[in-house]
N, C-alpha and C. Protein backbone atom coordinates (compact mmCIF):
# COMPACT_ATOMS: atom_id res chain seq x y z
N MET A 1 3.77 26.52 24.75
CA MET A 1 3.41 25.10 23.83
C MET A 1 4.35 25.01 22.61
N SER A 2 5.16 24.17 22.39
CA SER A 2 6.02 24.14 21.17
C SER A 2 5.55 23.01 20.23
N GLU A 3 5.86 23.35 19.00
CA GLU A 3 5.21 22.45 17.86
C GLU A 3 6.52 22.16 16.93
N THR A 4 6.63 20.76 16.81
CA THR A 4 7.84 20.35 16.19
C THR A 4 7.52 19.06 15.12
N ILE A 5 7.98 19.21 13.86
CA ILE A 5 7.77 18.09 13.15
C ILE A 5 9.06 17.38 12.87
N ARG A 6 9.01 16.12 13.11
CA ARG A 6 10.21 15.24 12.89
C ARG A 6 9.79 13.92 12.12
N ILE A 7 10.91 13.24 11.62
CA ILE A 7 10.67 11.89 11.09
C ILE A 7 10.48 10.95 12.01
N ALA A 8 9.52 9.95 11.86
CA ALA A 8 9.25 8.98 12.88
C ALA A 8 10.47 7.85 12.65
N THR A 9 10.75 7.24 13.83
CA THR A 9 11.48 6.09 13.67
C THR A 9 10.83 4.88 14.33
N LEU A 10 11.53 3.74 14.30
CA LEU A 10 10.76 2.41 14.77
C LEU A 10 10.39 2.73 16.17
N VAL A 11 11.08 3.60 16.86
CA VAL A 11 10.64 3.68 18.30
C VAL A 11 9.30 4.40 18.48
N ASP A 12 8.90 5.07 17.53
CA ASP A 12 7.61 5.60 17.37
C ASP A 12 6.35 4.89 16.99
N GLU A 13 6.58 3.56 16.60
CA GLU A 13 5.61 2.69 15.93
C GLU A 13 4.41 2.68 16.93
N ASP A 14 4.49 2.60 18.17
CA ASP A 14 3.30 2.48 19.13
C ASP A 14 2.44 3.78 19.06
N SER A 15 3.13 4.87 19.05
CA SER A 15 2.54 6.24 19.08
C SER A 15 1.80 6.48 17.68
N VAL A 16 2.40 6.02 16.53
CA VAL A 16 1.62 5.88 15.28
C VAL A 16 0.48 5.19 15.22
N THR A 17 0.60 3.97 15.65
CA THR A 17 -0.55 3.13 15.69
C THR A 17 -1.50 3.65 16.75
N THR A 18 -1.24 4.10 17.80
CA THR A 18 -2.29 4.59 18.78
C THR A 18 -2.99 5.94 18.19
N VAL A 19 -2.20 6.77 17.71
CA VAL A 19 -2.87 8.08 17.20
C VAL A 19 -3.66 7.56 16.10
N THR A 20 -3.21 6.85 14.90
CA THR A 20 -4.05 6.44 13.73
C THR A 20 -5.37 5.77 14.21
N ARG A 21 -5.33 4.71 15.20
CA ARG A 21 -6.44 4.05 15.76
C ARG A 21 -7.49 5.01 16.41
N ALA A 22 -6.81 5.79 17.08
CA ALA A 22 -7.88 6.70 17.81
C ALA A 22 -8.43 7.79 16.73
N ALA A 23 -7.79 8.20 15.96
CA ALA A 23 -8.13 9.19 14.85
C ALA A 23 -9.30 8.64 14.07
N TYR A 24 -9.09 7.29 13.64
CA TYR A 24 -10.13 6.70 12.86
C TYR A 24 -11.21 5.96 13.21
N ALA A 25 -11.21 5.95 14.60
CA ALA A 25 -12.23 5.24 15.38
C ALA A 25 -13.75 5.73 15.06
N LYS A 26 -13.85 7.04 14.81
CA LYS A 26 -15.02 7.72 14.44
C LYS A 26 -15.64 7.17 13.13
N TRP A 27 -14.91 6.57 12.39
CA TRP A 27 -15.43 6.11 11.23
C TRP A 27 -15.93 4.72 11.16
N VAL A 28 -15.50 3.86 12.11
CA VAL A 28 -16.09 2.44 12.23
C VAL A 28 -17.58 2.26 11.97
N PRO A 29 -18.50 3.27 12.75
CA PRO A 29 -19.85 3.02 12.66
C PRO A 29 -20.33 3.62 11.23
N VAL A 30 -19.51 4.54 10.62
CA VAL A 30 -19.97 5.09 9.22
C VAL A 30 -19.83 4.08 8.27
N ILE A 31 -18.73 3.09 8.43
CA ILE A 31 -18.49 2.08 7.33
C ILE A 31 -18.67 0.71 7.61
N GLY A 32 -18.82 0.47 8.93
CA GLY A 32 -19.28 -0.69 9.57
C GLY A 32 -17.93 -1.72 9.62
N ARG A 33 -16.59 -1.24 9.52
CA ARG A 33 -15.54 -1.88 9.88
C ARG A 33 -14.36 -0.91 10.13
N GLU A 34 -13.16 -1.37 10.42
CA GLU A 34 -12.16 -0.65 10.89
C GLU A 34 -11.57 -0.19 9.35
N PRO A 35 -11.21 1.13 9.30
CA PRO A 35 -10.70 1.55 8.11
C PRO A 35 -9.26 1.19 7.95
N LEU A 36 -8.87 0.92 6.72
CA LEU A 36 -7.59 0.25 6.63
C LEU A 36 -6.32 0.86 7.24
N PRO A 37 -6.36 2.13 7.48
CA PRO A 37 -5.13 2.64 8.43
C PRO A 37 -5.12 2.09 9.80
N MET A 38 -6.28 1.76 10.15
CA MET A 38 -6.38 1.15 11.60
C MET A 38 -5.72 -0.24 11.82
N LYS A 39 -5.56 -0.88 10.56
CA LYS A 39 -5.04 -2.27 10.44
C LYS A 39 -3.63 -2.44 9.83
N ALA A 40 -3.20 -1.20 9.45
CA ALA A 40 -1.98 -1.10 8.72
C ALA A 40 -0.91 -1.44 9.82
N ASP A 41 0.41 -1.86 8.95
CA ASP A 41 1.68 -2.33 9.78
C ASP A 41 2.39 -1.04 9.73
N HIS A 42 2.21 -0.32 10.74
CA HIS A 42 2.95 1.05 10.78
C HIS A 42 4.47 1.14 10.98
N ALA A 43 4.99 -0.07 11.66
CA ALA A 43 6.34 -0.36 11.73
C ALA A 43 6.92 -0.60 10.28
N ALA A 44 6.28 -1.33 9.52
CA ALA A 44 6.82 -1.69 8.34
C ALA A 44 6.72 -0.09 7.30
N HIS A 45 5.82 0.51 7.52
CA HIS A 45 5.67 1.83 6.84
C HIS A 45 6.94 2.70 7.29
N ILE A 46 7.20 2.80 8.43
CA ILE A 46 8.25 3.57 8.98
C ILE A 46 9.47 3.19 8.48
N ARG A 47 9.65 1.78 8.42
CA ARG A 47 10.97 1.20 8.03
C ARG A 47 10.98 1.37 6.50
N ASP A 48 9.95 1.14 5.56
CA ASP A 48 10.11 1.07 4.11
C ASP A 48 9.79 2.40 3.44
N HIS A 49 9.04 3.37 4.25
CA HIS A 49 8.71 4.47 3.55
C HIS A 49 9.04 5.74 4.45
N ARG A 50 8.16 6.66 4.87
CA ARG A 50 8.27 7.70 5.60
C ARG A 50 7.07 8.22 6.54
N ALA A 51 7.25 8.45 7.69
CA ALA A 51 6.12 8.96 8.53
C ALA A 51 6.89 10.11 9.17
N ASP A 52 5.95 11.19 9.30
CA ASP A 52 6.47 12.41 10.00
C ASP A 52 5.60 12.71 11.13
N LEU A 53 5.99 12.99 12.20
CA LEU A 53 5.09 13.40 13.47
C LEU A 53 5.11 14.83 13.62
N LEU A 54 4.01 15.29 14.12
CA LEU A 54 3.76 16.85 14.65
C LEU A 54 3.71 16.50 16.20
N LEU A 55 4.82 17.12 16.87
CA LEU A 55 4.81 16.99 18.36
C LEU A 55 4.28 18.33 18.85
N VAL A 56 3.32 18.19 19.84
CA VAL A 56 3.07 19.40 20.58
C VAL A 56 3.56 19.29 22.16
N ASP A 57 4.82 20.08 22.31
CA ASP A 57 5.56 19.68 23.37
C ASP A 57 5.99 18.39 23.26
N ASP A 58 5.78 17.24 24.05
CA ASP A 58 6.32 15.99 23.65
C ASP A 58 5.40 15.10 23.35
N GLU A 59 4.04 15.55 22.93
CA GLU A 59 3.13 14.58 22.67
C GLU A 59 2.74 14.45 21.01
N VAL A 60 2.61 13.37 20.65
CA VAL A 60 2.31 13.15 19.21
C VAL A 60 0.82 13.75 18.89
N ALA A 61 0.56 14.65 18.24
CA ALA A 61 -0.59 15.26 18.05
C ALA A 61 -1.36 14.92 16.60
N ALA A 62 -0.24 14.69 15.64
CA ALA A 62 -0.63 14.34 14.29
C ALA A 62 0.56 13.77 13.56
N LEU A 63 0.10 13.12 12.56
CA LEU A 63 1.15 12.43 11.62
C LEU A 63 0.84 12.23 10.24
N VAL A 64 1.77 12.26 9.35
CA VAL A 64 1.29 11.88 7.98
C VAL A 64 2.37 10.77 7.59
N GLU A 65 1.88 9.80 6.82
CA GLU A 65 2.65 8.50 6.50
C GLU A 65 2.55 8.92 4.90
N ILE A 66 3.68 8.81 4.20
CA ILE A 66 3.93 9.07 2.74
C ILE A 66 4.76 8.08 2.14
N ILE A 67 4.51 7.98 0.71
CA ILE A 67 5.39 6.95 -0.04
C ILE A 67 5.63 8.03 -1.23
N GLN A 68 7.09 7.95 -1.50
CA GLN A 68 7.48 8.56 -2.78
C GLN A 68 7.49 7.45 -3.78
N ARG A 69 6.62 7.75 -4.90
CA ARG A 69 6.64 6.71 -5.90
C ARG A 69 7.30 7.28 -7.13
N HIS A 70 7.34 6.77 -8.24
CA HIS A 70 8.11 7.29 -9.30
C HIS A 70 8.05 8.65 -9.86
N ASP A 71 6.58 8.92 -9.97
CA ASP A 71 6.15 10.27 -10.42
C ASP A 71 5.36 11.25 -9.61
N ASP A 72 5.22 10.73 -8.25
CA ASP A 72 4.21 11.46 -7.37
C ASP A 72 4.58 11.24 -5.95
N LEU A 73 4.00 11.80 -5.04
CA LEU A 73 4.13 11.41 -3.66
C LEU A 73 2.51 11.08 -3.26
N LEU A 74 2.64 9.93 -2.60
CA LEU A 74 1.30 9.27 -2.07
C LEU A 74 1.27 9.58 -0.77
N ILE A 75 0.18 10.41 -0.26
CA ILE A 75 -0.18 10.44 1.32
C ILE A 75 -0.90 9.15 1.85
N GLU A 76 -0.41 8.36 2.33
CA GLU A 76 -1.04 6.98 2.74
C GLU A 76 -1.94 7.32 3.92
N ASN A 77 -1.56 8.11 4.87
CA ASN A 77 -2.37 8.44 6.07
C ASN A 77 -2.09 9.62 6.65
N VAL A 78 -3.23 10.44 6.88
CA VAL A 78 -2.98 11.57 7.83
C VAL A 78 -3.88 11.30 9.13
N ALA A 79 -3.28 11.41 10.22
CA ALA A 79 -4.15 11.13 11.45
C ALA A 79 -3.67 12.35 12.44
N VAL A 80 -4.94 12.75 13.13
CA VAL A 80 -4.64 13.71 14.19
C VAL A 80 -5.32 13.07 15.49
N ALA A 81 -4.66 12.99 16.62
CA ALA A 81 -5.13 12.61 17.81
C ALA A 81 -6.39 13.37 18.17
N PRO A 82 -7.51 12.76 18.64
CA PRO A 82 -8.68 13.24 18.97
C PRO A 82 -8.69 14.50 19.91
N ALA A 83 -7.69 14.58 20.90
CA ALA A 83 -7.48 15.62 21.73
C ALA A 83 -7.01 16.83 21.15
N PHE A 84 -6.32 16.72 19.81
CA PHE A 84 -5.74 17.66 18.91
C PHE A 84 -6.52 17.98 17.66
N GLN A 85 -7.71 17.42 17.45
CA GLN A 85 -8.38 17.78 16.40
C GLN A 85 -8.94 19.19 16.44
N LYS A 86 -9.52 19.60 15.17
CA LYS A 86 -9.94 21.11 15.07
C LYS A 86 -9.16 22.11 15.17
N ARG A 87 -7.68 21.92 15.23
CA ARG A 87 -6.74 22.81 15.48
C ARG A 87 -5.91 23.17 14.17
N GLY A 88 -6.18 22.64 13.01
CA GLY A 88 -5.45 22.74 11.87
C GLY A 88 -4.32 21.79 11.56
N TYR A 89 -4.16 20.83 12.56
CA TYR A 89 -3.02 20.14 12.50
C TYR A 89 -3.17 19.06 11.17
N GLY A 90 -4.16 18.68 10.78
CA GLY A 90 -4.36 17.89 9.84
C GLY A 90 -3.85 18.61 8.33
N ARG A 91 -4.37 19.81 8.25
CA ARG A 91 -4.03 20.68 7.26
C ARG A 91 -2.49 20.94 7.16
N LYS A 92 -1.91 21.14 8.39
CA LYS A 92 -0.43 21.33 8.47
C LYS A 92 0.35 20.20 8.05
N MET A 93 -0.09 18.94 8.44
CA MET A 93 0.62 17.77 7.91
C MET A 93 0.51 17.52 6.40
N VAL A 94 -0.90 17.94 5.86
CA VAL A 94 -1.07 17.76 4.35
C VAL A 94 0.11 18.79 3.67
N ALA A 95 0.05 19.93 4.23
CA ALA A 95 0.99 20.95 3.66
C ALA A 95 2.37 20.52 3.75
N HIS A 96 2.67 20.00 4.87
CA HIS A 96 4.16 19.42 4.99
C HIS A 96 4.43 18.41 3.98
N ALA A 97 3.55 17.48 3.69
CA ALA A 97 3.81 16.46 2.69
C ALA A 97 4.00 17.15 1.19
N GLU A 98 3.28 18.09 1.10
CA GLU A 98 3.21 18.78 -0.21
C GLU A 98 4.58 19.51 -0.32
N ARG A 99 5.01 20.06 0.74
CA ARG A 99 6.57 20.69 0.58
C ARG A 99 7.55 19.73 0.22
N LEU A 100 7.34 18.56 1.01
CA LEU A 100 8.27 17.44 0.76
C LEU A 100 8.24 16.91 -0.80
N ALA A 101 6.98 16.99 -1.32
CA ALA A 101 7.01 16.60 -2.77
C ALA A 101 7.40 17.62 -3.64
N ALA A 102 7.29 18.90 -3.17
CA ALA A 102 8.00 19.82 -4.09
C ALA A 102 9.64 19.73 -4.08
N GLU A 103 9.99 19.65 -2.79
CA GLU A 103 11.53 19.38 -2.55
C GLU A 103 12.20 18.37 -3.28
N ALA A 104 11.37 17.40 -3.54
CA ALA A 104 11.92 16.05 -4.11
C ALA A 104 11.54 16.20 -5.78
N GLY A 105 11.04 17.31 -6.23
CA GLY A 105 10.71 17.48 -7.57
C GLY A 105 9.49 16.89 -8.20
N PHE A 106 8.75 16.30 -7.18
CA PHE A 106 7.42 15.80 -7.85
C PHE A 106 6.32 16.75 -8.27
N GLU A 107 5.59 16.58 -9.20
CA GLU A 107 4.63 17.61 -9.88
C GLU A 107 3.21 17.22 -9.25
N ALA A 108 3.03 16.20 -8.54
CA ALA A 108 1.84 15.91 -7.86
C ALA A 108 1.83 15.25 -6.50
N VAL A 109 0.77 15.53 -5.90
CA VAL A 109 0.63 14.63 -4.57
C VAL A 109 -0.83 14.13 -4.71
N ARG A 110 -0.78 12.73 -4.32
CA ARG A 110 -2.08 12.05 -4.61
C ARG A 110 -2.47 11.31 -3.12
N LEU A 111 -3.70 11.27 -2.78
CA LEU A 111 -4.19 10.56 -1.77
C LEU A 111 -5.60 9.83 -2.07
N PHE A 112 -6.13 9.02 -1.09
CA PHE A 112 -7.27 8.32 -1.25
C PHE A 112 -7.89 8.23 -0.10
N THR A 113 -9.35 8.21 -0.17
CA THR A 113 -10.20 8.18 1.09
C THR A 113 -11.49 7.38 0.73
N ASN A 114 -12.14 7.02 1.83
CA ASN A 114 -13.39 6.47 1.49
C ASN A 114 -14.61 7.35 1.17
N ALA A 115 -15.28 7.05 0.24
CA ALA A 115 -16.40 7.82 -0.38
C ALA A 115 -17.30 8.43 0.84
N LYS A 116 -17.38 7.51 1.73
CA LYS A 116 -18.37 7.88 2.94
C LYS A 116 -17.80 8.83 3.93
N PHE A 117 -16.42 9.06 3.80
CA PHE A 117 -15.81 10.09 4.70
C PHE A 117 -15.78 11.55 3.89
N GLU A 118 -17.38 12.08 3.86
CA GLU A 118 -17.41 13.34 3.28
C GLU A 118 -16.72 14.36 3.77
N GLU A 119 -16.53 14.41 5.16
CA GLU A 119 -15.66 15.53 5.83
C GLU A 119 -14.28 15.55 5.34
N ASN A 120 -13.76 14.49 5.26
CA ASN A 120 -12.32 14.39 4.62
C ASN A 120 -12.22 14.82 3.21
N ILE A 121 -13.23 14.46 2.37
CA ILE A 121 -13.36 14.86 1.02
C ILE A 121 -13.51 16.38 0.95
N ARG A 122 -14.35 17.06 1.68
CA ARG A 122 -14.53 18.40 1.76
C ARG A 122 -13.33 19.05 1.96
N LEU A 123 -12.57 18.58 3.05
CA LEU A 123 -11.10 19.20 3.50
C LEU A 123 -10.13 19.11 2.40
N TYR A 124 -10.14 17.92 1.58
CA TYR A 124 -9.10 17.78 0.73
C TYR A 124 -9.50 18.79 -0.53
N LYS A 125 -10.68 18.86 -0.83
CA LYS A 125 -11.04 19.73 -1.83
C LYS A 125 -10.85 21.18 -1.50
N SER A 126 -10.89 21.58 -0.30
CA SER A 126 -10.67 22.86 0.16
C SER A 126 -9.23 23.14 0.18
N LEU A 127 -8.32 22.24 0.19
CA LEU A 127 -7.06 22.31 -0.03
C LEU A 127 -6.34 22.20 -1.35
N GLY A 128 -7.41 22.13 -2.29
CA GLY A 128 -7.00 22.12 -3.78
C GLY A 128 -6.82 20.89 -4.39
N TYR A 129 -7.25 19.85 -3.74
CA TYR A 129 -7.28 18.45 -4.35
C TYR A 129 -8.55 18.05 -5.19
N ASP A 130 -8.42 17.55 -6.26
CA ASP A 130 -9.54 17.10 -7.19
C ASP A 130 -9.64 15.83 -7.06
N VAL A 131 -10.96 15.32 -7.40
CA VAL A 131 -11.24 13.81 -7.51
C VAL A 131 -10.65 13.33 -8.93
N GLU A 132 -9.75 12.53 -8.67
CA GLU A 132 -9.07 11.81 -10.05
C GLU A 132 -10.02 10.70 -10.74
N ARG A 133 -10.53 9.94 -9.64
CA ARG A 133 -11.33 8.69 -10.11
C ARG A 133 -11.93 8.09 -8.78
N GLU A 134 -12.72 7.27 -9.02
CA GLU A 134 -13.50 6.42 -8.02
C GLU A 134 -13.27 4.99 -8.29
N GLU A 135 -12.94 4.17 -7.35
CA GLU A 135 -12.78 2.75 -7.32
C GLU A 135 -13.40 1.85 -6.50
N ALA A 136 -14.28 1.09 -7.13
CA ALA A 136 -15.08 0.17 -6.22
C ALA A 136 -14.07 -0.64 -5.36
N ILE A 137 -14.46 -0.98 -4.18
CA ILE A 137 -13.67 -1.96 -3.41
C ILE A 137 -14.61 -2.99 -2.84
N ALA A 138 -14.29 -3.87 -2.18
CA ALA A 138 -15.15 -5.09 -1.46
C ALA A 138 -16.44 -4.33 -0.86
N ASP A 139 -16.14 -3.33 -0.15
CA ASP A 139 -17.53 -2.90 0.60
C ASP A 139 -17.53 -1.46 0.62
N GLY A 140 -17.08 -0.86 -0.50
CA GLY A 140 -17.38 0.66 -0.60
C GLY A 140 -16.66 1.13 -1.99
N ILE A 141 -16.45 2.59 -1.92
CA ILE A 141 -15.94 3.15 -2.97
C ILE A 141 -14.65 4.05 -2.39
N LEU A 142 -13.68 3.78 -3.00
CA LEU A 142 -12.47 4.61 -2.75
C LEU A 142 -12.25 5.74 -3.74
N VAL A 143 -12.06 7.07 -2.94
CA VAL A 143 -12.07 8.05 -3.94
C VAL A 143 -10.61 8.44 -3.84
N HIS A 144 -9.92 8.56 -5.23
CA HIS A 144 -8.62 8.91 -5.39
C HIS A 144 -8.49 10.37 -5.69
N MET A 145 -7.69 11.19 -5.05
CA MET A 145 -7.70 12.58 -5.24
C MET A 145 -6.13 12.92 -5.56
N VAL A 146 -6.18 14.10 -6.35
CA VAL A 146 -4.85 14.61 -6.81
C VAL A 146 -4.70 16.12 -6.65
N LYS A 147 -3.44 16.60 -6.35
CA LYS A 147 -3.06 17.94 -6.32
C LYS A 147 -1.95 18.14 -7.18
N ALA A 148 -1.87 19.09 -8.16
CA ALA A 148 -0.69 19.38 -8.78
C ALA A 148 0.22 20.52 -7.93
N ILE A 149 1.36 20.13 -7.86
CA ILE A 149 2.57 20.85 -7.07
C ILE A 149 3.16 21.92 -7.96
């Protein structure tokens, strides 16, 4: 079994959409709607920003979508295909994004998640992220997290 990380291209849009929708499906009953990444235009993200894929053999197992901003790197989406969850691939993709941030000279990585995604918040805290602020959104609370690089 080989693992490879590579930058996504527009050819990968369907895979990015499929993996993201499958990964986030478990949250629909928790918040009563599709989480934002399930509705995102992944082709636009691939075109305008960056998405990296973790391939196990030739199958997309996980991905991270990032945005380089003026003073930090934002992790917009981390998704692990359900068949590949609980293997550390989410952690691996977050670490990959942190390496990219360091290489680009950024001092911080930021991300956000829904306050009801307690499992994700615990994971990000275990990886060294701190809650920076909470933001009320139409139907919940968005938790903004940051990690110094």
